[in-house]
Amino acid sequence: MKLEDIAGDFIGKEIRIVESKNSQFVGFAGKIVDETKNTFSIMKEAKVKMIPKEGSKFQFDDNKEKFTINGEYIRISPENRIKESRRIMRSINRSEKIW
């Protein structure tokens, strides 16, 4: 995973929920159409589901590579994520739990 993967905009990226406190969300995949500090809005077949970042693990498909990240690490507003991206990467690199 690269710093750009965290600092960039998630809207428009393909995403899959690989773990969640709500078992109904696990396996749901689609395109991110909106993001807040605490949620992703994901569209699939004209349906939009709002998925909480807390308690979820996400797999992103960046066309070049796939990476998985714990929602706790990206639970920050999109506009603040750029300036916090280095701190997030340090946290990710210290934790083996998210991979």
PDB file of N, CA and C in Angstrom:
ATOM      1  N   MET A   1       0.841  -1.171   0.000  1.00  0.00           N
ATOM      2  CA  MET A   1       0.000   0.000   0.000  1.00  0.00           C
ATOM      3  C   MET A   1       0.890   1.239   0.000  1.00  0.00           C
ATOM      4  N   LYS A   2       0.466   2.224  -0.775  1.00  0.00           N
ATOM      5  CA  LYS A   2       1.227   3.467  -0.883  1.00  0.00           C
ATOM      6  C   LYS A   2       0.487   4.598  -0.178  1.00  0.00           C
ATOM      7  N   LEU A   3       1.212   5.641   0.143  1.00  0.00           N
ATOM      8  CA  LEU A   3       0.637   6.809   0.794  1.00  0.00           C
ATOM      9  C   LEU A   3      -0.507   7.386  -0.028  1.00  0.00           C
ATOM     10  N   GLU A   4      -0.389   7.373  -1.348  1.00  0.00           N
ATOM     11  CA  GLU A   4      -1.426   7.927  -2.222  1.00  0.00           C
ATOM     12  C   GLU A   4      -2.746   7.174  -2.076  1.00  0.00           C
ATOM     13  N   ASP A   5      -2.669   5.886  -1.743  1.00  0.00           N
ATOM     14  CA  ASP A   5      -3.881   5.089  -1.572  1.00  0.00           C
ATOM     15  C   ASP A   5      -4.718   5.613  -0.411  1.00  0.00           C
ATOM     16  N   ILE A   6      -4.069   6.131   0.606  1.00  0.00           N
ATOM     17  CA  ILE A   6      -4.753   6.645   1.789  1.00  0.00           C
ATOM     18  C   ILE A   6      -5.105   8.115   1.634  1.00  0.00           C
ATOM     19  N   ALA A   7      -4.204   8.900   1.073  1.00  0.00           N
ATOM     20  CA  ALA A   7      -4.389  10.345   0.998  1.00  0.00           C
ATOM     21  C   ALA A   7      -5.381  10.746  -0.084  1.00  0.00           C
ATOM     22  N   GLY A   8      -5.552   9.910  -1.091  1.00  0.00           N
ATOM     23  CA  GLY A   8      -6.400  10.271  -2.223  1.00  0.00           C
ATOM     24  C   GLY A   8      -7.879  10.180  -1.932  1.00  0.00           C
ATOM     25  N   ASP A   9      -8.641  10.506  -2.932  1.00  0.00           N
ATOM     26  CA  ASP A   9     -10.091  10.481  -2.854  1.00  0.00           C
ATOM     27  C   ASP A   9     -10.590   9.063  -3.070  1.00  0.00           C
ATOM     28  N   PHE A  10     -11.481   8.590  -2.227  1.00  0.00           N
ATOM     29  CA  PHE A  10     -12.031   7.249  -2.365  1.00  0.00           C
ATOM     30  C   PHE A  10     -13.249   7.208  -3.282  1.00  0.00           C
ATOM     31  N   ILE A  11     -13.880   8.354  -3.506  1.00  0.00           N
ATOM     32  CA  ILE A  11     -15.075   8.380  -4.344  1.00  0.00           C
ATOM     33  C   ILE A  11     -14.715   7.922  -5.757  1.00  0.00           C
ATOM     34  N   GLY A  12     -15.509   6.983  -6.262  1.00  0.00           N
ATOM     35  CA  GLY A  12     -15.283   6.415  -7.586  1.00  0.00           C
ATOM     36  C   GLY A  12     -14.505   5.113  -7.565  1.00  0.00           C
ATOM     37  N   LYS A  13     -13.927   4.750  -6.409  1.00  0.00           N
ATOM     38  CA  LYS A  13     -13.157   3.507  -6.324  1.00  0.00           C
ATOM     39  C   LYS A  13     -14.077   2.316  -6.062  1.00  0.00           C
ATOM     40  N   GLU A  14     -13.644   1.162  -6.558  1.00  0.00           N
ATOM     41  CA  GLU A  14     -14.346  -0.092  -6.290  1.00  0.00           C
ATOM     42  C   GLU A  14     -13.957  -0.572  -4.896  1.00  0.00           C
ATOM     43  N   ILE A  15     -14.947  -1.061  -4.152  1.00  0.00           N
ATOM     44  CA  ILE A  15     -14.731  -1.463  -2.768  1.00  0.00           C
ATOM     45  C   ILE A  15     -15.554  -2.714  -2.467  1.00  0.00           C
ATOM     46  N   ARG A  16     -15.042  -3.519  -1.552  1.00  0.00           N
ATOM     47  CA  ARG A  16     -15.757  -4.714  -1.075  1.00  0.00           C
ATOM     48  C   ARG A  16     -15.608  -4.744   0.445  1.00  0.00           C
ATOM     49  N   ILE A  17     -16.694  -5.071   1.129  1.00  0.00           N
ATOM     50  CA  ILE A  17     -16.651  -5.205   2.579  1.00  0.00           C
ATOM     51  C   ILE A  17     -16.259  -6.644   2.885  1.00  0.00           C
ATOM     52  N   VAL A  18     -15.116  -6.826   3.555  1.00  0.00           N
ATOM     53  CA  VAL A  18     -14.627  -8.168   3.853  1.00  0.00           C
ATOM     54  C   VAL A  18     -14.914  -8.586   5.287  1.00  0.00           C
ATOM     55  N   GLU A  19     -15.139  -7.611   6.167  1.00  0.00           N
ATOM     56  CA  GLU A  19     -15.536  -7.884   7.549  1.00  0.00           C
ATOM     57  C   GLU A  19     -16.412  -6.738   8.015  1.00  0.00           C
ATOM     58  N   SER A  20     -17.377  -7.047   8.863  1.00  0.00           N
ATOM     59  CA  SER A  20     -18.240  -6.012   9.424  1.00  0.00           C
ATOM     60  C   SER A  20     -18.923  -6.539  10.670  1.00  0.00           C
ATOM     61  N   LYS A  21     -19.226  -5.617  11.592  1.00  0.00           N
ATOM     62  CA  LYS A  21     -20.026  -5.989  12.754  1.00  0.00           C
ATOM     63  C   LYS A  21     -21.405  -6.457  12.310  1.00  0.00           C
ATOM     64  N   ASN A  22     -21.899  -5.890  11.208  1.00  0.00           N
ATOM     65  CA  ASN A  22     -23.189  -6.277  10.642  1.00  0.00           C
ATOM     66  C   ASN A  22     -22.929  -7.303   9.542  1.00  0.00           C
ATOM     67  N   SER A  23     -23.251  -8.545   9.791  1.00  0.00           N
ATOM     68  CA  SER A  23     -22.936  -9.619   8.841  1.00  0.00           C
ATOM     69  C   SER A  23     -23.635  -9.447   7.489  1.00  0.00           C
ATOM     70  N   GLN A  24     -24.711  -8.667   7.427  1.00  0.00           N
ATOM     71  CA  GLN A  24     -25.403  -8.432   6.155  1.00  0.00           C
ATOM     72  C   GLN A  24     -24.543  -7.629   5.177  1.00  0.00           C
ATOM     73  N   PHE A  25     -23.578  -6.877   5.674  1.00  0.00           N
ATOM     74  CA  PHE A  25     -22.725  -6.070   4.809  1.00  0.00           C
ATOM     75  C   PHE A  25     -21.566  -6.859   4.206  1.00  0.00           C
ATOM     76  N   VAL A  26     -21.167  -7.941   4.842  1.00  0.00           N
ATOM     77  CA  VAL A  26     -20.001  -8.712   4.400  1.00  0.00           C
ATOM     78  C   VAL A  26     -20.246  -9.247   2.985  1.00  0.00           C
ATOM     79  N   GLY A  27     -19.285  -8.975   2.104  1.00  0.00           N
ATOM     80  CA  GLY A  27     -19.379  -9.407   0.713  1.00  0.00           C
ATOM     81  C   GLY A  27     -19.992  -8.374  -0.211  1.00  0.00           C
ATOM     82  N   PHE A  28     -20.628  -7.343   0.357  1.00  0.00           N
ATOM     83  CA  PHE A  28     -21.222  -6.305  -0.498  1.00  0.00           C
ATOM     84  C   PHE A  28     -20.101  -5.550  -1.201  1.00  0.00           C
ATOM     85  N   ALA A  29     -20.256  -5.349  -2.487  1.00  0.00           N
ATOM     86  CA  ALA A  29     -19.228  -4.669  -3.278  1.00  0.00           C
ATOM     87  C   ALA A  29     -19.901  -3.703  -4.248  1.00  0.00           C
ATOM     88  N   GLY A  30     -19.176  -2.664  -4.578  1.00  0.00           N
ATOM     89  CA  GLY A  30     -19.684  -1.681  -5.524  1.00  0.00           C
ATOM     90  C   GLY A  30     -18.727  -0.514  -5.628  1.00  0.00           C
ATOM     91  N   LYS A  31     -19.271   0.616  -6.071  1.00  0.00           N
ATOM     92  CA  LYS A  31     -18.468   1.822  -6.265  1.00  0.00           C
ATOM     93  C   LYS A  31     -18.845   2.847  -5.201  1.00  0.00           C
ATOM     94  N   ILE A  32     -17.839   3.480  -4.618  1.00  0.00           N
ATOM     95  CA  ILE A  32     -18.085   4.514  -3.615  1.00  0.00           C
ATOM     96  C   ILE A  32     -18.632   5.750  -4.314  1.00  0.00           C
ATOM     97  N   VAL A  33     -19.812   6.213  -3.860  1.00  0.00           N
ATOM     98  CA  VAL A  33     -20.421   7.402  -4.450  1.00  0.00           C
ATOM     99  C   VAL A  33     -20.412   8.593  -3.501  1.00  0.00           C
ATOM    100  N   ASP A  34     -20.165   8.338  -2.210  1.00  0.00           N
ATOM    101  CA  ASP A  34     -20.076   9.426  -1.238  1.00  0.00           C
ATOM    102  C   ASP A  34     -19.316   8.911  -0.024  1.00  0.00           C
ATOM    103  N   GLU A  35     -18.750   9.851   0.723  1.00  0.00           N
ATOM    104  CA  GLU A  35     -17.988   9.486   1.918  1.00  0.00           C
ATOM    105  C   GLU A  35     -18.141  10.580   2.953  1.00  0.00           C
ATOM    106  N   THR A  36     -18.304  10.161   4.199  1.00  0.00           N
ATOM    107  CA  THR A  36     -18.247  11.073   5.335  1.00  0.00           C
ATOM    108  C   THR A  36     -17.145  10.572   6.265  1.00  0.00           C
ATOM    109  N   LYS A  37     -16.995  11.228   7.386  1.00  0.00           N
ATOM    110  CA  LYS A  37     -15.986  10.792   8.348  1.00  0.00           C
ATOM    111  C   LYS A  37     -16.240   9.357   8.789  1.00  0.00           C
ATOM    112  N   ASN A  38     -17.490   8.994   8.955  1.00  0.00           N
ATOM    113  CA  ASN A  38     -17.827   7.705   9.549  1.00  0.00           C
ATOM    114  C   ASN A  38     -18.392   6.665   8.587  1.00  0.00           C
ATOM    115  N   THR A  39     -18.707   7.039   7.361  1.00  0.00           N
ATOM    116  CA  THR A  39     -19.376   6.105   6.454  1.00  0.00           C
ATOM    117  C   THR A  39     -18.889   6.203   5.016  1.00  0.00           C
ATOM    118  N   PHE A  40     -19.122   5.110   4.278  1.00  0.00           N
ATOM    119  CA  PHE A  40     -19.026   5.101   2.825  1.00  0.00           C
ATOM    120  C   PHE A  40     -20.429   4.839   2.292  1.00  0.00           C
ATOM    121  N   SER A  41     -20.821   5.534   1.246  1.00  0.00           N
ATOM    122  CA  SER A  41     -22.040   5.211   0.512  1.00  0.00           C
ATOM    123  C   SER A  41     -21.595   4.472  -0.734  1.00  0.00           C
ATOM    124  N   ILE A  42     -22.066   3.237  -0.874  1.00  0.00           N
ATOM    125  CA  ILE A  42     -21.610   2.354  -1.941  1.00  0.00           C
ATOM    126  C   ILE A  42     -22.787   1.998  -2.830  1.00  0.00           C
ATOM    127  N   MET A  43     -22.594   2.171  -4.158  1.00  0.00           N
ATOM    128  CA  MET A  43     -23.652   1.889  -5.105  1.00  0.00           C
ATOM    129  C   MET A  43     -23.364   0.603  -5.861  1.00  0.00           C
ATOM    130  N   LYS A  44     -24.429  -0.228  -5.954  1.00  0.00           N
ATOM    131  CA  LYS A  44     -24.370  -1.440  -6.754  1.00  0.00           C
ATOM    132  C   LYS A  44     -25.756  -1.646  -7.347  1.00  0.00           C
ATOM    133  N   GLU A  45     -25.802  -1.740  -8.663  1.00  0.00           N
ATOM    134  CA  GLU A  45     -27.064  -1.975  -9.372  1.00  0.00           C
ATOM    135  C   GLU A  45     -28.148  -0.991  -8.931  1.00  0.00           C
ATOM    136  N   ALA A  46     -27.850   0.281  -8.947  1.00  0.00           N
ATOM    137  CA  ALA A  46     -28.771   1.374  -8.620  1.00  0.00           C
ATOM    138  C   ALA A  46     -29.234   1.374  -7.168  1.00  0.00           C
ATOM    139  N   LYS A  47     -28.644   0.558  -6.320  1.00  0.00           N
ATOM    140  CA  LYS A  47     -28.921   0.579  -4.884  1.00  0.00           C
ATOM    141  C   LYS A  47     -27.723   1.181  -4.177  1.00  0.00           C
ATOM    142  N   VAL A  48     -27.994   2.035  -3.197  1.00  0.00           N
ATOM    143  CA  VAL A  48     -26.928   2.644  -2.413  1.00  0.00           C
ATOM    144  C   VAL A  48     -27.071   2.184  -0.963  1.00  0.00           C
ATOM    145  N   LYS A  49     -25.972   1.681  -0.419  1.00  0.00           N
ATOM    146  CA  LYS A  49     -25.930   1.301   0.995  1.00  0.00           C
ATOM    147  C   LYS A  49     -24.908   2.173   1.696  1.00  0.00           C
ATOM    148  N   MET A  50     -25.268   2.631   2.888  1.00  0.00           N
ATOM    149  CA  MET A  50     -24.346   3.404   3.711  1.00  0.00           C
ATOM    150  C   MET A  50     -23.705   2.428   4.696  1.00  0.00           C
ATOM    151  N   ILE A  51     -22.392   2.290   4.591  1.00  0.00           N
ATOM    152  CA  ILE A  51     -21.646   1.325   5.395  1.00  0.00           C
ATOM    153  C   ILE A  51     -20.785   2.080   6.409  1.00  0.00           C
ATOM    154  N   PRO A  52     -20.903   1.751   7.695  1.00  0.00           N
ATOM    155  CA  PRO A  52     -20.053   2.421   8.692  1.00  0.00           C
ATOM    156  C   PRO A  52     -18.605   1.958   8.572  1.00  0.00           C
ATOM    157  N   LYS A  53     -17.689   2.894   8.741  1.00  0.00           N
ATOM    158  CA  LYS A  53     -16.263   2.546   8.715  1.00  0.00           C
ATOM    159  C   LYS A  53     -15.876   1.801   9.992  1.00  0.00           C
ATOM    160  N   GLU A  54     -16.416   2.234  11.122  1.00  0.00           N
ATOM    161  CA  GLU A  54     -16.098   1.586  12.389  1.00  0.00           C
ATOM    162  C   GLU A  54     -16.631   0.155  12.387  1.00  0.00           C
ATOM    163  N   GLY A  55     -15.780  -0.761  12.733  1.00  0.00           N
ATOM    164  CA  GLY A  55     -16.179  -2.158  12.805  1.00  0.00           C
ATOM    165  C   GLY A  55     -16.183  -2.872  11.469  1.00  0.00           C
ATOM    166  N   SER A  56     -15.620  -2.242  10.445  1.00  0.00           N
ATOM    167  CA  SER A  56     -15.591  -2.857   9.116  1.00  0.00           C
ATOM    168  C   SER A  56     -14.167  -2.898   8.575  1.00  0.00           C
ATOM    169  N   LYS A  57     -13.947  -3.845   7.693  1.00  0.00           N
ATOM    170  CA  LYS A  57     -12.675  -3.950   6.980  1.00  0.00           C
ATOM    171  C   LYS A  57     -13.018  -3.936   5.486  1.00  0.00           C
ATOM    172  N   PHE A  58     -12.275  -3.123   4.723  1.00  0.00           N
ATOM    173  CA  PHE A  58     -12.590  -2.888   3.326  1.00  0.00           C
ATOM    174  C   PHE A  58     -11.456  -3.345   2.412  1.00  0.00           C
ATOM    175  N   GLN A  59     -11.841  -3.864   1.255  1.00  0.00           N
ATOM    176  CA  GLN A  59     -10.860  -4.194   0.222  1.00  0.00           C
ATOM    177  C   GLN A  59     -11.098  -3.240  -0.939  1.00  0.00           C
ATOM    178  N   PHE A  60     -10.046  -2.554  -1.336  1.00  0.00           N
ATOM    179  CA  PHE A  60     -10.103  -1.630  -2.455  1.00  0.00           C
ATOM    180  C   PHE A  60      -9.429  -2.257  -3.661  1.00  0.00           C
ATOM    181  N   ASP A  61      -9.998  -2.030  -4.829  1.00  0.00           N
ATOM    182  CA  ASP A  61      -9.410  -2.493  -6.080  1.00  0.00           C
ATOM    183  C   ASP A  61      -8.999  -1.256  -6.849  1.00  0.00           C
ATOM    184  N   ASP A  62      -7.692  -1.020  -6.889  1.00  0.00           N
ATOM    185  CA  ASP A  62      -7.150   0.195  -7.490  1.00  0.00           C
ATOM    186  C   ASP A  62      -6.684  -0.036  -8.926  1.00  0.00           C
ATOM    187  N   ASN A  63      -7.223  -1.010  -9.609  1.00  0.00           N
ATOM    188  CA  ASN A  63      -6.850  -1.385 -10.975  1.00  0.00           C
ATOM    189  C   ASN A  63      -5.420  -1.900 -11.076  1.00  0.00           C
ATOM    190  N   LYS A  64      -4.518  -1.384 -10.275  1.00  0.00           N
ATOM    191  CA  LYS A  64      -3.138  -1.862 -10.288  1.00  0.00           C
ATOM    192  C   LYS A  64      -2.926  -2.924  -9.227  1.00  0.00           C
ATOM    193  N   GLU A  65      -3.584  -2.739  -8.090  1.00  0.00           N
ATOM    194  CA  GLU A  65      -3.425  -3.665  -6.985  1.00  0.00           C
ATOM    195  C   GLU A  65      -4.649  -3.612  -6.087  1.00  0.00           C
ATOM    196  N   LYS A  66      -4.792  -4.631  -5.269  1.00  0.00           N
ATOM    197  CA  LYS A  66      -5.855  -4.655  -4.266  1.00  0.00           C
ATOM    198  C   LYS A  66      -5.206  -4.477  -2.909  1.00  0.00           C
ATOM    199  N   PHE A  67      -5.873  -3.747  -2.037  1.00  0.00           N
ATOM    200  CA  PHE A  67      -5.390  -3.635  -0.672  1.00  0.00           C
ATOM    201  C   PHE A  67      -6.581  -3.625   0.274  1.00  0.00           C
ATOM    202  N   THR A  68      -6.347  -4.106   1.475  1.00  0.00           N
ATOM    203  CA  THR A  68      -7.375  -4.200   2.501  1.00  0.00           C
ATOM    204  C   THR A  68      -6.975  -3.321   3.670  1.00  0.00           C
ATOM    205  N   ILE A  69      -7.974  -2.616   4.226  1.00  0.00           N
ATOM    206  CA  ILE A  69      -7.681  -1.727   5.343  1.00  0.00           C
ATOM    207  C   ILE A  69      -8.841  -1.740   6.338  1.00  0.00           C
ATOM    208  N   ASN A  70      -8.493  -1.636   7.600  1.00  0.00           N
ATOM    209  CA  ASN A  70      -9.463  -1.553   8.680  1.00  0.00           C
ATOM    210  C   ASN A  70     -10.090  -0.158   8.641  1.00  0.00           C
ATOM    211  N   GLY A  71     -11.408  -0.087   8.712  1.00  0.00           N
ATOM    212  CA  GLY A  71     -12.115   1.186   8.655  1.00  0.00           C
ATOM    213  C   GLY A  71     -11.724   2.165   9.745  1.00  0.00           C
ATOM    214  N   GLU A  72     -11.246   1.644  10.882  1.00  0.00           N
ATOM    215  CA  GLU A  72     -10.814   2.525  11.971  1.00  0.00           C
ATOM    216  C   GLU A  72      -9.691   3.464  11.524  1.00  0.00           C
ATOM    217  N   TYR A  73      -8.830   2.983  10.630  1.00  0.00           N
ATOM    218  CA  TYR A  73      -7.681   3.777  10.202  1.00  0.00           C
ATOM    219  C   TYR A  73      -8.055   4.889   9.245  1.00  0.00           C
ATOM    220  N   ILE A  74      -9.198   4.779   8.597  1.00  0.00           N
ATOM    221  CA  ILE A  74      -9.606   5.813   7.641  1.00  0.00           C
ATOM    222  C   ILE A  74     -10.855   6.539   8.126  1.00  0.00           C
ATOM    223  N   ARG A  75     -11.163   6.401   9.404  1.00  0.00           N
ATOM    224  CA  ARG A  75     -12.316   7.089   9.984  1.00  0.00           C
ATOM    225  C   ARG A  75     -11.931   8.524  10.302  1.00  0.00           C
ATOM    226  N   ILE A  76     -11.838   9.285   9.251  1.00  0.00           N
ATOM    227  CA  ILE A  76     -11.461  10.689   9.307  1.00  0.00           C
ATOM    228  C   ILE A  76     -12.134  11.360   8.127  1.00  0.00           C
ATOM    229  N   SER A  77     -12.508  12.605   8.269  1.00  0.00           N
ATOM    230  CA  SER A  77     -13.203  13.272   7.168  1.00  0.00           C
ATOM    231  C   SER A  77     -12.290  13.347   5.945  1.00  0.00           C
ATOM    232  N   PRO A  78     -12.861  13.224   4.749  1.00  0.00           N
ATOM    233  CA  PRO A  78     -12.037  13.208   3.535  1.00  0.00           C
ATOM    234  C   PRO A  78     -11.120  14.423   3.406  1.00  0.00           C
ATOM    235  N   GLU A  79     -11.614  15.588   3.793  1.00  0.00           N
ATOM    236  CA  GLU A  79     -10.795  16.800   3.657  1.00  0.00           C
ATOM    237  C   GLU A  79      -9.618  16.824   4.628  1.00  0.00           C
ATOM    238  N   ASN A  80      -9.702  16.098   5.722  1.00  0.00           N
ATOM    239  CA  ASN A  80      -8.596  16.042   6.689  1.00  0.00           C
ATOM    240  C   ASN A  80      -7.669  14.858   6.462  1.00  0.00           C
ATOM    241  N   ARG A  81      -8.087  13.906   5.656  1.00  0.00           N
ATOM    242  CA  ARG A  81      -7.290  12.698   5.461  1.00  0.00           C
ATOM    243  C   ARG A  81      -5.945  13.001   4.792  1.00  0.00           C
ATOM    244  N   ILE A  82      -5.899  13.982   3.921  1.00  0.00           N
ATOM    245  CA  ILE A  82      -4.639  14.302   3.239  1.00  0.00           C
ATOM    246  C   ILE A  82      -3.572  14.710   4.254  1.00  0.00           C
ATOM    247  N   LYS A  83      -3.923  15.596   5.177  1.00  0.00           N
ATOM    248  CA  LYS A  83      -2.904  16.035   6.139  1.00  0.00           C
ATOM    249  C   LYS A  83      -2.619  14.981   7.203  1.00  0.00           C
ATOM    250  N   GLU A  84      -3.527  14.030   7.399  1.00  0.00           N
ATOM    251  CA  GLU A  84      -3.335  12.967   8.387  1.00  0.00           C
ATOM    252  C   GLU A  84      -2.775  11.687   7.765  1.00  0.00           C
ATOM    253  N   SER A  85      -2.576  11.655   6.455  1.00  0.00           N
ATOM    254  CA  SER A  85      -2.229  10.405   5.771  1.00  0.00           C
ATOM    255  C   SER A  85      -0.910   9.795   6.253  1.00  0.00           C
ATOM    256  N   ARG A  86       0.064  10.588   6.572  1.00  0.00           N
ATOM    257  CA  ARG A  86       1.332  10.034   7.068  1.00  0.00           C
ATOM    258  C   ARG A  86       1.149   9.357   8.427  1.00  0.00           C
ATOM    259  N   ARG A  87       0.343   9.961   9.312  1.00  0.00           N
ATOM    260  CA  ARG A  87       0.057   9.363  10.611  1.00  0.00           C
ATOM    261  C   ARG A  87      -0.703   8.051  10.423  1.00  0.00           C
ATOM    262  N   ILE A  88      -1.640   8.044   9.488  1.00  0.00           N
ATOM    263  CA  ILE A  88      -2.405   6.830   9.216  1.00  0.00           C
ATOM    264  C   ILE A  88      -1.478   5.725   8.722  1.00  0.00           C
ATOM    265  N   MET A  89      -0.577   6.046   7.814  1.00  0.00           N
ATOM    266  CA  MET A  89       0.352   5.044   7.281  1.00  0.00           C
ATOM    267  C   MET A  89       1.251   4.493   8.383  1.00  0.00           C
ATOM    268  N   ARG A  90       1.717   5.345   9.301  1.00  0.00           N
ATOM    269  CA  ARG A  90       2.539   4.865  10.411  1.00  0.00           C
ATOM    270  C   ARG A  90       1.749   3.891  11.274  1.00  0.00           C
ATOM    271  N   SER A  91       0.497   4.206  11.536  1.00  0.00           N
ATOM    272  CA  SER A  91      -0.354   3.316  12.326  1.00  0.00           C
ATOM    273  C   SER A  91      -0.549   1.986  11.620  1.00  0.00           C
ATOM    274  N   ILE A  92      -0.778   2.038  10.333  1.00  0.00           N
ATOM    275  CA  ILE A  92      -0.984   0.815   9.551  1.00  0.00           C
ATOM    276  C   ILE A  92       0.283  -0.034   9.557  1.00  0.00           C
ATOM    277  N   ASN A  93       1.421   0.578   9.355  1.00  0.00           N
ATOM    278  CA  ASN A  93       2.681  -0.163   9.297  1.00  0.00           C
ATOM    279  C   ASN A  93       3.043  -0.804  10.631  1.00  0.00           C
ATOM    280  N   ARG A  94       2.557  -0.253  11.746  1.00  0.00           N
ATOM    281  CA  ARG A  94       2.844  -0.826  13.062  1.00  0.00           C
ATOM    282  C   ARG A  94       1.883  -1.948  13.422  1.00  0.00           C
ATOM    283  N   SER A  95       0.783  -2.039  12.714  1.00  0.00           N
ATOM    284  CA  SER A  95      -0.249  -3.017  13.081  1.00  0.00           C
ATOM    285  C   SER A  95      -0.345  -4.126  12.051  1.00  0.00           C
ATOM    286  N   GLU A  96      -0.237  -5.329  12.496  1.00  0.00           N
ATOM    287  CA  GLU A  96      -0.384  -6.475  11.611  1.00  0.00           C
ATOM    288  C   GLU A  96      -1.841  -6.938  11.567  1.00  0.00           C
ATOM    289  N   LYS A  97      -2.679  -6.407  12.421  1.00  0.00           N
ATOM    290  CA  LYS A  97      -4.054  -6.868  12.536  1.00  0.00           C
ATOM    291  C   LYS A  97      -4.892  -6.558  11.298  1.00  0.00           C
ATOM    292  N   ILE A  98      -4.550  -5.520  10.554  1.00  0.00           N
ATOM    293  CA  ILE A  98      -5.420  -5.106   9.451  1.00  0.00           C
ATOM    294  C   ILE A  98      -5.176  -5.871   8.179  1.00  0.00           C
ATOM    295  N   TRP A  99      -4.076  -6.590   8.076  1.00  0.00           N
ATOM    296  CA  TRP A  99      -3.772  -7.240   6.803  1.00  0.00           C
ATOM    297  C   TRP A  99      -4.265  -8.652   6.771  1.00  0.00           C
TER     298      TRP A  99
END
